[in-house]
C-alpha cells in the first residue's frame, strides 16, 4: 500500500508541469471536446511514462547528459511555446501555436517529461527493481492523463471567458516554468 501511495505522490509531483502546460496552451481552444482532449492527454501520458522508464533503463548511460542538458532543453521548449503564445497575444491572434497540432503536442509533452526522465535515471542509480518501476510508470501514466484532461478543460474555459488576457497569462507562466527549470539546475 505504501508503494502505491508513494507512486501517486511521485506522479502528482511529476505531472504538475503537464497540468500547467496543458492549461496554458489550451486557452485558445474554442472546442475542448473529448475528441480533441483525449488524444493530447494520451500523448502526454505515454511520453511522460515512457521517458520515465527510458531514464530508468539507461540511467548509467545518460546520467552525465541529463545533468547538463536537460534544463536547457526544457527551458528552450517552454520558451518556444510560451513565446509563441505571447507573440500571438501581442498580435491579437487567438489561434496561435496551441495543442491543436501534433508538433506542438509533442513539444509540450517532451518539455514536461524531461524531469520524469531525470527521475527515472535517479531511480536507476538507486537500484529500483523493474516491478517497482512498472507500478510507478502505470500510476504516472494515469495521473498524467487525468491531469492533462483537467488542464485542457480548465484552460479552454479560461480562454473562452478571459480571451487575450488568458493568452498573456498562459504564455508568461510557461516562460516562468522554463526559467524555473533552467535556474533550478544552474
N, C-alpha and C. Protein backbone atom coordinates (compact mmCIF):
# COMPACT_ATOMS: atom_id res chain seq x y z
N UNK A 1 0.81 -1.20 0.00
CA UNK A 1 0.00 0.00 0.00
C UNK A 1 0.86 1.27 0.00
N UNK A 2 1.94 1.26 0.78
CA UNK A 2 2.81 2.43 0.82
C UNK A 2 3.47 2.67 -0.54
N UNK A 3 3.75 1.59 -1.27
CA UNK A 3 4.33 1.74 -2.60
C UNK A 3 3.39 2.46 -3.55
N UNK A 4 2.10 2.16 -3.43
CA UNK A 4 1.11 2.82 -4.29
C UNK A 4 0.97 4.29 -3.92
N UNK A 5 0.93 4.58 -2.63
CA UNK A 5 0.82 5.98 -2.18
C UNK A 5 2.04 6.78 -2.63
N UNK A 6 3.22 6.19 -2.48
CA UNK A 6 4.44 6.87 -2.92
C UNK A 6 4.42 7.10 -4.43
N UNK A 7 3.91 6.11 -5.18
CA UNK A 7 3.83 6.25 -6.63
C UNK A 7 2.85 7.36 -7.03
N UNK A 8 1.75 7.47 -6.33
CA UNK A 8 0.77 8.53 -6.61
C UNK A 8 1.37 9.90 -6.31
N UNK A 9 2.05 10.03 -5.18
CA UNK A 9 2.69 11.31 -4.83
C UNK A 9 3.78 11.67 -5.84
N UNK A 10 4.56 10.68 -6.27
CA UNK A 10 5.57 10.92 -7.29
C UNK A 10 4.91 11.40 -8.58
N UNK A 11 3.86 10.72 -9.00
CA UNK A 11 3.17 11.08 -10.24
C UNK A 11 2.59 12.49 -10.15
N UNK A 12 2.00 12.83 -9.03
CA UNK A 12 1.44 14.18 -8.87
C UNK A 12 2.53 15.24 -8.98
N UNK A 13 3.68 14.96 -8.40
CA UNK A 13 4.76 15.96 -8.47
C UNK A 13 5.33 16.06 -9.88
N UNK A 14 5.42 14.94 -10.59
CA UNK A 14 5.98 14.98 -11.94
C UNK A 14 5.04 15.57 -12.97
N UNK A 15 3.74 15.48 -12.74
CA UNK A 15 2.82 15.96 -13.78
C UNK A 15 2.24 17.34 -13.48
N UNK A 16 2.75 18.01 -12.47
CA UNK A 16 2.28 19.38 -12.21
C UNK A 16 2.57 20.29 -13.41
N UNK A 17 3.74 20.11 -14.02
CA UNK A 17 4.05 20.93 -15.20
C UNK A 17 3.20 20.52 -16.40
N UNK A 18 2.79 19.26 -16.47
CA UNK A 18 1.87 18.84 -17.55
C UNK A 18 0.54 19.58 -17.42
N UNK A 19 0.07 19.72 -16.19
CA UNK A 19 -1.16 20.45 -15.95
C UNK A 19 -1.00 21.91 -16.39
N UNK A 20 0.10 22.52 -15.97
CA UNK A 20 0.32 23.94 -16.29
C UNK A 20 0.43 24.15 -17.80
N UNK A 21 1.18 23.32 -18.48
CA UNK A 21 1.35 23.48 -19.92
C UNK A 21 0.04 23.21 -20.65
N UNK A 22 -0.67 22.18 -20.26
CA UNK A 22 -1.93 21.88 -20.95
C UNK A 22 -2.97 22.96 -20.69
N UNK A 23 -3.00 23.50 -19.49
CA UNK A 23 -3.95 24.58 -19.19
C UNK A 23 -3.58 25.86 -19.94
N UNK A 24 -2.32 26.22 -19.86
CA UNK A 24 -1.88 27.46 -20.52
C UNK A 24 -1.98 27.37 -22.04
N UNK A 25 -1.67 26.23 -22.59
CA UNK A 25 -1.69 26.07 -24.04
C UNK A 25 -3.10 25.88 -24.59
N UNK A 26 -4.06 25.68 -23.74
CA UNK A 26 -5.44 25.41 -24.19
C UNK A 26 -6.33 26.65 -24.13
N UNK A 27 -5.79 27.78 -23.77
CA UNK A 27 -6.63 28.97 -23.63
C UNK A 27 -7.23 29.42 -24.96
N UNK A 28 -6.66 28.98 -26.08
CA UNK A 28 -7.23 29.36 -27.38
C UNK A 28 -8.14 28.30 -27.97
N UNK A 29 -8.31 27.19 -27.29
CA UNK A 29 -9.18 26.15 -27.82
C UNK A 29 -10.64 26.57 -27.68
N UNK A 30 -11.29 26.73 -28.79
CA UNK A 30 -12.73 27.04 -28.76
C UNK A 30 -13.51 25.76 -28.48
N UNK A 31 -12.98 24.65 -28.98
CA UNK A 31 -13.64 23.36 -28.85
C UNK A 31 -12.78 22.46 -27.98
N UNK A 32 -13.20 22.27 -26.75
CA UNK A 32 -12.46 21.36 -25.87
C UNK A 32 -13.23 20.05 -25.72
N UNK A 33 -13.70 19.56 -26.87
CA UNK A 33 -14.45 18.30 -26.87
C UNK A 33 -13.52 17.14 -26.50
N UNK A 34 -14.12 16.05 -26.12
CA UNK A 34 -13.33 14.88 -25.73
C UNK A 34 -12.50 14.38 -26.91
N UNK A 35 -12.98 14.56 -28.12
CA UNK A 35 -12.23 14.13 -29.30
C UNK A 35 -10.93 14.89 -29.48
N UNK A 36 -10.85 16.12 -28.97
CA UNK A 36 -9.61 16.90 -29.03
C UNK A 36 -8.75 16.67 -27.80
N UNK A 37 -9.40 16.54 -26.65
CA UNK A 37 -8.67 16.46 -25.38
C UNK A 37 -8.03 15.09 -25.16
N UNK A 38 -8.76 14.02 -25.42
CA UNK A 38 -8.26 12.68 -25.12
C UNK A 38 -6.98 12.32 -25.87
N UNK A 39 -6.86 12.60 -27.18
CA UNK A 39 -5.59 12.26 -27.84
C UNK A 39 -4.39 13.02 -27.26
N UNK A 40 -4.58 14.27 -26.91
CA UNK A 40 -3.49 15.05 -26.32
C UNK A 40 -3.11 14.45 -24.96
N UNK A 41 -4.10 14.10 -24.17
CA UNK A 41 -3.83 13.51 -22.86
C UNK A 41 -3.09 12.18 -23.00
N UNK A 42 -3.46 11.39 -24.00
CA UNK A 42 -2.78 10.11 -24.23
C UNK A 42 -1.32 10.36 -24.61
N UNK A 43 -1.06 11.31 -25.50
CA UNK A 43 0.32 11.59 -25.92
C UNK A 43 1.16 12.05 -24.72
N UNK A 44 0.64 13.00 -23.95
CA UNK A 44 1.37 13.47 -22.77
C UNK A 44 1.66 12.32 -21.81
N UNK A 45 0.66 11.49 -21.54
CA UNK A 45 0.81 10.39 -20.58
C UNK A 45 1.82 9.36 -21.07
N UNK A 46 1.75 8.99 -22.34
CA UNK A 46 2.67 7.99 -22.88
C UNK A 46 4.10 8.53 -22.91
N UNK A 47 4.28 9.78 -23.31
CA UNK A 47 5.63 10.36 -23.34
C UNK A 47 6.18 10.46 -21.92
N UNK A 48 5.35 10.90 -20.98
CA UNK A 48 5.80 11.05 -19.59
C UNK A 48 6.24 9.70 -19.02
N UNK A 49 5.38 8.70 -19.12
CA UNK A 49 5.70 7.38 -18.57
C UNK A 49 6.85 6.74 -19.36
N UNK A 50 6.85 6.92 -20.68
CA UNK A 50 7.90 6.34 -21.50
C UNK A 50 9.28 6.91 -21.19
N UNK A 51 9.37 8.23 -21.05
CA UNK A 51 10.67 8.83 -20.72
C UNK A 51 11.10 8.48 -19.30
N UNK A 52 10.15 8.32 -18.40
CA UNK A 52 10.44 7.89 -17.03
C UNK A 52 11.11 6.51 -17.07
N UNK A 53 10.51 5.58 -17.80
CA UNK A 53 11.08 4.23 -17.89
C UNK A 53 12.39 4.21 -18.69
N UNK A 54 12.47 5.04 -19.72
CA UNK A 54 13.69 5.13 -20.51
C UNK A 54 14.85 5.64 -19.65
N UNK A 55 14.57 6.64 -18.82
CA UNK A 55 15.59 7.14 -17.91
C UNK A 55 16.07 6.06 -16.96
N UNK A 56 15.13 5.25 -16.45
CA UNK A 56 15.50 4.16 -15.54
C UNK A 56 16.31 3.11 -16.28
N UNK A 57 15.88 2.76 -17.48
CA UNK A 57 16.54 1.70 -18.25
C UNK A 57 17.97 2.07 -18.62
N UNK A 58 18.20 3.32 -18.96
CA UNK A 58 19.51 3.73 -19.44
C UNK A 58 20.18 4.73 -18.49
N UNK A 59 19.86 4.63 -17.23
CA UNK A 59 20.35 5.59 -16.24
C UNK A 59 21.85 5.78 -16.24
N UNK A 60 22.59 4.70 -16.29
CA UNK A 60 24.05 4.81 -16.26
C UNK A 60 24.60 5.56 -17.47
N UNK A 61 23.99 5.33 -18.62
CA UNK A 61 24.49 5.97 -19.85
C UNK A 61 24.17 7.46 -19.90
N UNK A 62 23.01 7.85 -19.35
CA UNK A 62 22.53 9.21 -19.53
C UNK A 62 22.81 10.14 -18.35
N UNK A 63 23.37 9.64 -17.28
CA UNK A 63 23.49 10.45 -16.07
C UNK A 63 24.26 11.75 -16.34
N UNK A 64 25.34 11.71 -17.07
CA UNK A 64 26.09 12.94 -17.36
C UNK A 64 25.35 13.86 -18.31
N UNK A 65 24.71 13.30 -19.32
CA UNK A 65 23.97 14.08 -20.31
C UNK A 65 22.77 14.77 -19.68
N UNK A 66 22.01 14.04 -18.88
CA UNK A 66 20.79 14.59 -18.28
C UNK A 66 21.14 15.75 -17.36
N UNK A 67 22.16 15.58 -16.57
CA UNK A 67 22.51 16.62 -15.61
C UNK A 67 22.90 17.94 -16.25
N UNK A 68 23.45 17.89 -17.45
CA UNK A 68 23.94 19.11 -18.09
C UNK A 68 22.97 19.74 -19.07
N UNK A 69 22.30 18.93 -19.88
CA UNK A 69 21.50 19.49 -20.96
C UNK A 69 19.99 19.52 -20.71
N UNK A 70 19.49 18.69 -19.82
CA UNK A 70 18.04 18.62 -19.63
C UNK A 70 17.41 19.97 -19.26
N UNK A 71 17.98 20.74 -18.35
CA UNK A 71 17.36 22.03 -18.04
C UNK A 71 17.34 22.99 -19.23
N UNK A 72 18.38 22.97 -20.02
CA UNK A 72 18.44 23.87 -21.18
C UNK A 72 17.40 23.46 -22.22
N UNK A 73 17.28 22.16 -22.47
CA UNK A 73 16.30 21.66 -23.44
C UNK A 73 14.89 22.00 -22.97
N UNK A 74 14.59 21.73 -21.71
CA UNK A 74 13.26 22.04 -21.17
C UNK A 74 12.95 23.52 -21.26
N UNK A 75 13.91 24.36 -20.91
CA UNK A 75 13.72 25.81 -20.99
C UNK A 75 13.44 26.25 -22.42
N UNK A 76 14.23 25.78 -23.37
CA UNK A 76 14.06 26.20 -24.76
C UNK A 76 12.71 25.77 -25.33
N UNK A 77 12.27 24.57 -25.00
CA UNK A 77 10.97 24.10 -25.49
C UNK A 77 9.83 24.94 -24.91
N UNK A 78 9.90 25.21 -23.62
CA UNK A 78 8.84 26.02 -22.99
C UNK A 78 8.92 27.48 -23.42
N UNK A 79 10.12 27.97 -23.66
CA UNK A 79 10.28 29.33 -24.18
C UNK A 79 9.63 29.44 -25.55
N UNK A 80 9.80 28.43 -26.37
CA UNK A 80 9.20 28.42 -27.71
C UNK A 80 7.67 28.47 -27.62
N UNK A 81 7.09 27.59 -26.81
CA UNK A 81 5.63 27.54 -26.71
C UNK A 81 5.10 28.81 -26.05
N UNK A 82 5.69 29.20 -24.92
CA UNK A 82 5.24 30.41 -24.22
C UNK A 82 5.46 31.67 -25.03
N UNK A 83 6.61 31.76 -25.69
CA UNK A 83 6.89 32.92 -26.53
C UNK A 83 5.92 33.02 -27.70
N UNK A 84 5.56 31.89 -28.28
CA UNK A 84 4.57 31.89 -29.36
C UNK A 84 3.23 32.40 -28.86
N UNK A 85 2.87 32.02 -27.64
CA UNK A 85 1.61 32.49 -27.07
C UNK A 85 1.64 33.99 -26.85
N UNK A 86 2.73 34.49 -26.31
CA UNK A 86 2.84 35.94 -26.07
C UNK A 86 2.83 36.71 -27.38
N UNK A 87 3.50 36.20 -28.38
CA UNK A 87 3.52 36.86 -29.68
C UNK A 87 2.10 36.89 -30.27
N UNK A 88 1.38 35.81 -30.13
CA UNK A 88 0.00 35.77 -30.63
C UNK A 88 -0.89 36.75 -29.88
N UNK A 89 -0.70 36.84 -28.57
CA UNK A 89 -1.50 37.79 -27.79
C UNK A 89 -1.17 39.22 -28.20
N UNK A 90 0.11 39.50 -28.43
CA UNK A 90 0.53 40.84 -28.84
C UNK A 90 -0.06 41.20 -30.19
N UNK A 91 -0.09 40.23 -31.10
CA UNK A 91 -0.65 40.45 -32.44
C UNK A 91 -2.17 40.34 -32.46
N UNK A 92 -2.74 40.00 -31.31
CA UNK A 92 -4.18 39.81 -31.18
C UNK A 92 -4.67 38.66 -32.06
N UNK A 93 -3.86 37.62 -32.16
CA UNK A 93 -4.23 36.40 -32.88
C UNK A 93 -4.58 35.35 -31.84
N UNK A 94 -5.81 34.96 -31.79
CA UNK A 94 -6.20 33.98 -30.80
C UNK A 94 -6.14 32.55 -31.32
N UNK A 95 -5.53 32.35 -32.45
CA UNK A 95 -5.33 30.98 -32.95
C UNK A 95 -3.83 30.77 -33.18
N UNK A 96 -3.09 30.73 -32.11
CA UNK A 96 -1.63 30.61 -32.17
C UNK A 96 -1.22 29.14 -32.07
N UNK A 97 -0.02 28.93 -31.67
CA UNK A 97 0.51 27.58 -31.51
C UNK A 97 0.00 27.00 -30.19
N UNK A 98 -1.13 26.32 -30.26
CA UNK A 98 -1.65 25.69 -29.07
C UNK A 98 -1.50 24.18 -29.21
N UNK A 99 -2.31 23.43 -28.54
CA UNK A 99 -2.19 21.98 -28.58
C UNK A 99 -3.04 21.36 -29.68
N UNK A 100 -3.31 22.09 -30.76
CA UNK A 100 -4.08 21.53 -31.86
C UNK A 100 -3.24 20.65 -32.78
N UNK A 101 -1.99 20.98 -33.01
CA UNK A 101 -1.16 20.23 -33.95
C UNK A 101 -0.28 19.22 -33.24
N UNK A 102 0.01 18.12 -33.91
CA UNK A 102 0.82 17.06 -33.31
C UNK A 102 2.22 17.56 -32.95
N UNK A 103 2.78 18.46 -33.75
CA UNK A 103 4.10 19.01 -33.45
C UNK A 103 4.10 19.72 -32.11
N UNK A 104 3.10 20.56 -31.88
CA UNK A 104 3.04 21.30 -30.63
C UNK A 104 2.70 20.39 -29.45
N UNK A 105 1.90 19.38 -29.68
CA UNK A 105 1.60 18.42 -28.61
C UNK A 105 2.87 17.69 -28.20
N UNK A 106 3.65 17.25 -29.19
CA UNK A 106 4.91 16.55 -28.87
C UNK A 106 5.91 17.46 -28.18
N UNK A 107 6.01 18.72 -28.62
CA UNK A 107 6.91 19.67 -27.96
C UNK A 107 6.50 19.83 -26.50
N UNK A 108 5.21 20.03 -26.26
CA UNK A 108 4.73 20.18 -24.88
C UNK A 108 4.95 18.92 -24.06
N UNK A 109 4.71 17.76 -24.66
CA UNK A 109 4.87 16.50 -23.93
C UNK A 109 6.33 16.25 -23.57
N UNK A 110 7.22 16.50 -24.50
CA UNK A 110 8.65 16.28 -24.22
C UNK A 110 9.16 17.30 -23.20
N UNK A 111 8.76 18.56 -23.36
CA UNK A 111 9.21 19.61 -22.43
C UNK A 111 8.81 19.30 -21.00
N UNK A 112 7.63 18.74 -20.83
CA UNK A 112 7.16 18.45 -19.47
C UNK A 112 7.62 17.09 -18.96
N UNK A 113 8.27 16.29 -19.80
CA UNK A 113 8.67 14.95 -19.39
C UNK A 113 10.16 14.79 -19.16
N UNK A 114 10.91 15.84 -19.38
CA UNK A 114 12.36 15.74 -19.16
C UNK A 114 12.65 15.48 -17.68
N UNK A 115 11.85 16.07 -16.79
CA UNK A 115 12.05 15.80 -15.37
C UNK A 115 11.73 14.34 -15.04
N UNK A 116 10.74 13.75 -15.71
CA UNK A 116 10.42 12.34 -15.48
C UNK A 116 11.59 11.46 -15.92
N UNK A 117 12.22 11.83 -17.03
CA UNK A 117 13.40 11.11 -17.49
C UNK A 117 14.51 11.18 -16.43
N UNK A 118 14.72 12.37 -15.90
CA UNK A 118 15.76 12.57 -14.88
C UNK A 118 15.46 11.76 -13.62
N UNK A 119 14.20 11.73 -13.22
CA UNK A 119 13.81 10.95 -12.04
C UNK A 119 14.02 9.47 -12.31
N UNK A 120 13.69 9.03 -13.53
CA UNK A 120 13.95 7.63 -13.89
C UNK A 120 15.43 7.28 -13.78
N UNK A 121 16.29 8.20 -14.22
CA UNK A 121 17.73 7.99 -14.09
C UNK A 121 18.10 7.85 -12.62
N UNK A 122 17.54 8.71 -11.77
CA UNK A 122 17.90 8.64 -10.34
C UNK A 122 17.43 7.33 -9.72
N UNK A 123 16.27 6.83 -10.14
CA UNK A 123 15.80 5.53 -9.63
C UNK A 123 16.70 4.40 -10.12
N UNK A 124 17.24 4.55 -11.31
CA UNK A 124 18.20 3.57 -11.81
C UNK A 124 19.44 3.56 -10.94
N UNK A 125 19.91 4.75 -10.58
CA UNK A 125 21.08 4.86 -9.72
C UNK A 125 20.82 4.27 -8.33
N UNK A 126 19.56 4.35 -7.87
CA UNK A 126 19.19 3.79 -6.57
C UNK A 126 18.96 2.29 -6.62
N UNK A 127 18.92 1.72 -7.83
CA UNK A 127 18.74 0.29 -7.98
C UNK A 127 17.30 -0.18 -7.83
N UNK A 128 16.32 0.66 -8.15
CA UNK A 128 14.92 0.24 -8.07
C UNK A 128 14.66 -0.93 -9.01
N UNK A 129 13.81 -1.85 -8.57
CA UNK A 129 13.51 -3.05 -9.35
C UNK A 129 12.55 -2.73 -10.49
N UNK A 130 12.50 -3.64 -11.44
CA UNK A 130 11.59 -3.49 -12.58
C UNK A 130 10.14 -3.44 -12.12
N UNK A 131 9.78 -4.25 -11.15
CA UNK A 131 8.40 -4.25 -10.63
C UNK A 131 8.02 -2.92 -10.02
N UNK A 132 8.91 -2.33 -9.24
CA UNK A 132 8.64 -1.01 -8.66
C UNK A 132 8.49 0.04 -9.75
N UNK A 133 9.33 -0.03 -10.75
CA UNK A 133 9.29 0.96 -11.82
C UNK A 133 8.04 0.84 -12.68
N UNK A 134 7.59 -0.39 -12.91
CA UNK A 134 6.36 -0.58 -13.70
C UNK A 134 5.17 -0.01 -12.94
N UNK A 135 5.09 -0.25 -11.63
CA UNK A 135 4.00 0.32 -10.83
C UNK A 135 4.03 1.85 -10.91
N UNK A 136 5.21 2.43 -10.71
CA UNK A 136 5.34 3.88 -10.77
C UNK A 136 4.97 4.42 -12.15
N UNK A 137 5.39 3.73 -13.19
CA UNK A 137 5.10 4.19 -14.56
C UNK A 137 3.60 4.10 -14.87
N UNK A 138 2.94 3.06 -14.42
CA UNK A 138 1.50 2.92 -14.66
C UNK A 138 0.73 4.03 -13.94
N UNK A 139 1.09 4.27 -12.69
CA UNK A 139 0.44 5.34 -11.94
C UNK A 139 0.72 6.69 -12.60
N UNK A 140 1.97 6.90 -13.02
CA UNK A 140 2.34 8.14 -13.70
C UNK A 140 1.54 8.32 -14.99
N UNK A 141 1.35 7.27 -15.73
CA UNK A 141 0.57 7.31 -16.96
C UNK A 141 -0.85 7.78 -16.69
N UNK A 142 -1.51 7.17 -15.72
CA UNK A 142 -2.90 7.53 -15.42
C UNK A 142 -3.04 8.92 -14.81
N UNK A 143 -2.16 9.27 -13.90
CA UNK A 143 -2.24 10.59 -13.27
C UNK A 143 -1.97 11.69 -14.30
N UNK A 144 -0.98 11.48 -15.16
CA UNK A 144 -0.70 12.46 -16.20
C UNK A 144 -1.89 12.61 -17.14
N UNK A 145 -2.47 11.50 -17.54
CA UNK A 145 -3.64 11.50 -18.41
C UNK A 145 -4.76 12.35 -17.81
N UNK A 146 -5.08 12.12 -16.54
CA UNK A 146 -6.15 12.87 -15.88
C UNK A 146 -5.78 14.34 -15.69
N UNK A 147 -4.53 14.60 -15.39
CA UNK A 147 -4.07 15.96 -15.18
C UNK A 147 -4.16 16.79 -16.45
N UNK A 148 -3.77 16.20 -17.57
CA UNK A 148 -3.83 16.93 -18.84
C UNK A 148 -5.28 17.19 -19.24
N UNK A 149 -6.16 16.24 -19.01
CA UNK A 149 -7.58 16.48 -19.29
C UNK A 149 -8.08 17.66 -18.47
N UNK A 150 -7.78 17.66 -17.18
CA UNK A 150 -8.22 18.76 -16.31
C UNK A 150 -7.61 20.09 -16.77
N UNK A 151 -6.33 20.08 -17.13
CA UNK A 151 -5.67 21.30 -17.60
C UNK A 151 -6.27 21.83 -18.88
N UNK A 152 -6.53 20.95 -19.82
CA UNK A 152 -7.08 21.40 -21.10
C UNK A 152 -8.51 21.91 -20.96
N UNK A 153 -9.29 21.22 -20.18
CA UNK A 153 -10.68 21.67 -19.98
C UNK A 153 -10.69 23.02 -19.26
N UNK A 154 -9.88 23.15 -18.22
CA UNK A 154 -9.80 24.41 -17.48
C UNK A 154 -9.21 25.54 -18.30
N UNK A 155 -8.16 25.25 -19.06
CA UNK A 155 -7.53 26.27 -19.89
C UNK A 155 -8.46 26.76 -20.99
N UNK A 156 -9.18 25.84 -21.59
CA UNK A 156 -10.14 26.22 -22.63
C UNK A 156 -11.25 27.10 -22.07
N UNK A 157 -11.71 26.74 -20.88
CA UNK A 157 -12.74 27.56 -20.22
C UNK A 157 -12.21 28.97 -19.94
N UNK A 158 -11.00 29.03 -19.39
CA UNK A 158 -10.40 30.34 -19.07
C UNK A 158 -10.21 31.17 -20.33
N UNK A 159 -9.81 30.53 -21.42
CA UNK A 159 -9.62 31.24 -22.68
C UNK A 159 -10.93 31.80 -23.22
N UNK A 160 -11.98 31.01 -23.14
CA UNK A 160 -13.29 31.49 -23.61
C UNK A 160 -13.79 32.62 -22.73
N UNK A 161 -13.51 32.53 -21.46
CA UNK A 161 -14.01 33.53 -20.52
C UNK A 161 -13.17 34.81 -20.51
N UNK A 162 -11.84 34.66 -20.58
CA UNK A 162 -10.96 35.82 -20.42
C UNK A 162 -10.20 36.22 -21.68
N UNK A 163 -10.31 35.46 -22.75
CA UNK A 163 -9.74 35.81 -24.05
C UNK A 163 -8.26 36.07 -24.05
N UNK A 164 -7.88 37.23 -24.59
CA UNK A 164 -6.48 37.59 -24.79
C UNK A 164 -5.70 37.66 -23.47
N UNK A 165 -6.34 38.07 -22.39
CA UNK A 165 -5.67 38.10 -21.09
C UNK A 165 -5.21 36.73 -20.64
N UNK A 166 -6.02 35.72 -20.93
CA UNK A 166 -5.63 34.35 -20.59
C UNK A 166 -4.43 33.91 -21.42
N UNK A 167 -4.36 34.37 -22.65
CA UNK A 167 -3.23 34.05 -23.52
C UNK A 167 -1.94 34.68 -22.99
N UNK A 168 -2.03 35.96 -22.57
CA UNK A 168 -0.87 36.63 -21.96
C UNK A 168 -0.42 35.88 -20.71
N UNK A 169 -1.38 35.54 -19.86
CA UNK A 169 -1.06 34.85 -18.61
C UNK A 169 -0.46 33.47 -18.90
N UNK A 170 -1.06 32.73 -19.82
CA UNK A 170 -0.58 31.39 -20.14
C UNK A 170 0.84 31.40 -20.70
N UNK A 171 1.11 32.29 -21.64
CA UNK A 171 2.46 32.38 -22.21
C UNK A 171 3.49 32.77 -21.16
N UNK A 172 3.12 33.70 -20.30
CA UNK A 172 4.04 34.14 -19.24
C UNK A 172 4.34 33.01 -18.26
N UNK A 173 3.31 32.25 -17.89
CA UNK A 173 3.50 31.13 -16.96
C UNK A 173 4.43 30.08 -17.57
N UNK A 174 4.26 29.76 -18.85
CA UNK A 174 5.12 28.76 -19.48
C UNK A 174 6.57 29.22 -19.50
N UNK A 175 6.80 30.49 -19.80
CA UNK A 175 8.18 31.00 -19.79
C UNK A 175 8.75 30.97 -18.37
N UNK A 176 7.94 31.31 -17.39
CA UNK A 176 8.41 31.25 -16.00
C UNK A 176 8.73 29.82 -15.57
N UNK A 177 7.92 28.86 -16.00
CA UNK A 177 8.22 27.45 -15.69
C UNK A 177 9.55 27.06 -16.34
N UNK A 178 9.76 27.48 -17.59
CA UNK A 178 11.02 27.21 -18.26
C UNK A 178 12.21 27.83 -17.54
N UNK A 179 12.05 29.07 -17.11
CA UNK A 179 13.13 29.74 -16.35
C UNK A 179 13.39 29.02 -15.03
N UNK A 180 12.34 28.56 -14.38
CA UNK A 180 12.49 27.82 -13.13
C UNK A 180 13.28 26.53 -13.37
N UNK A 181 12.97 25.83 -14.45
CA UNK A 181 13.72 24.63 -14.79
C UNK A 181 15.19 24.96 -15.02
N UNK A 182 15.44 26.00 -15.78
CA UNK A 182 16.80 26.39 -16.10
C UNK A 182 17.59 26.79 -14.86
N UNK A 183 17.02 27.65 -14.03
CA UNK A 183 17.77 28.16 -12.87
C UNK A 183 17.83 27.19 -11.71
N UNK A 184 16.93 26.22 -11.69
CA UNK A 184 16.97 25.21 -10.64
C UNK A 184 18.23 24.35 -10.74
N UNK A 185 18.74 24.22 -11.96
CA UNK A 185 19.89 23.34 -12.19
C UNK A 185 21.20 24.09 -12.40
N UNK A 186 21.13 25.42 -12.38
CA UNK A 186 22.38 26.19 -12.60
C UNK A 186 23.06 26.42 -11.27
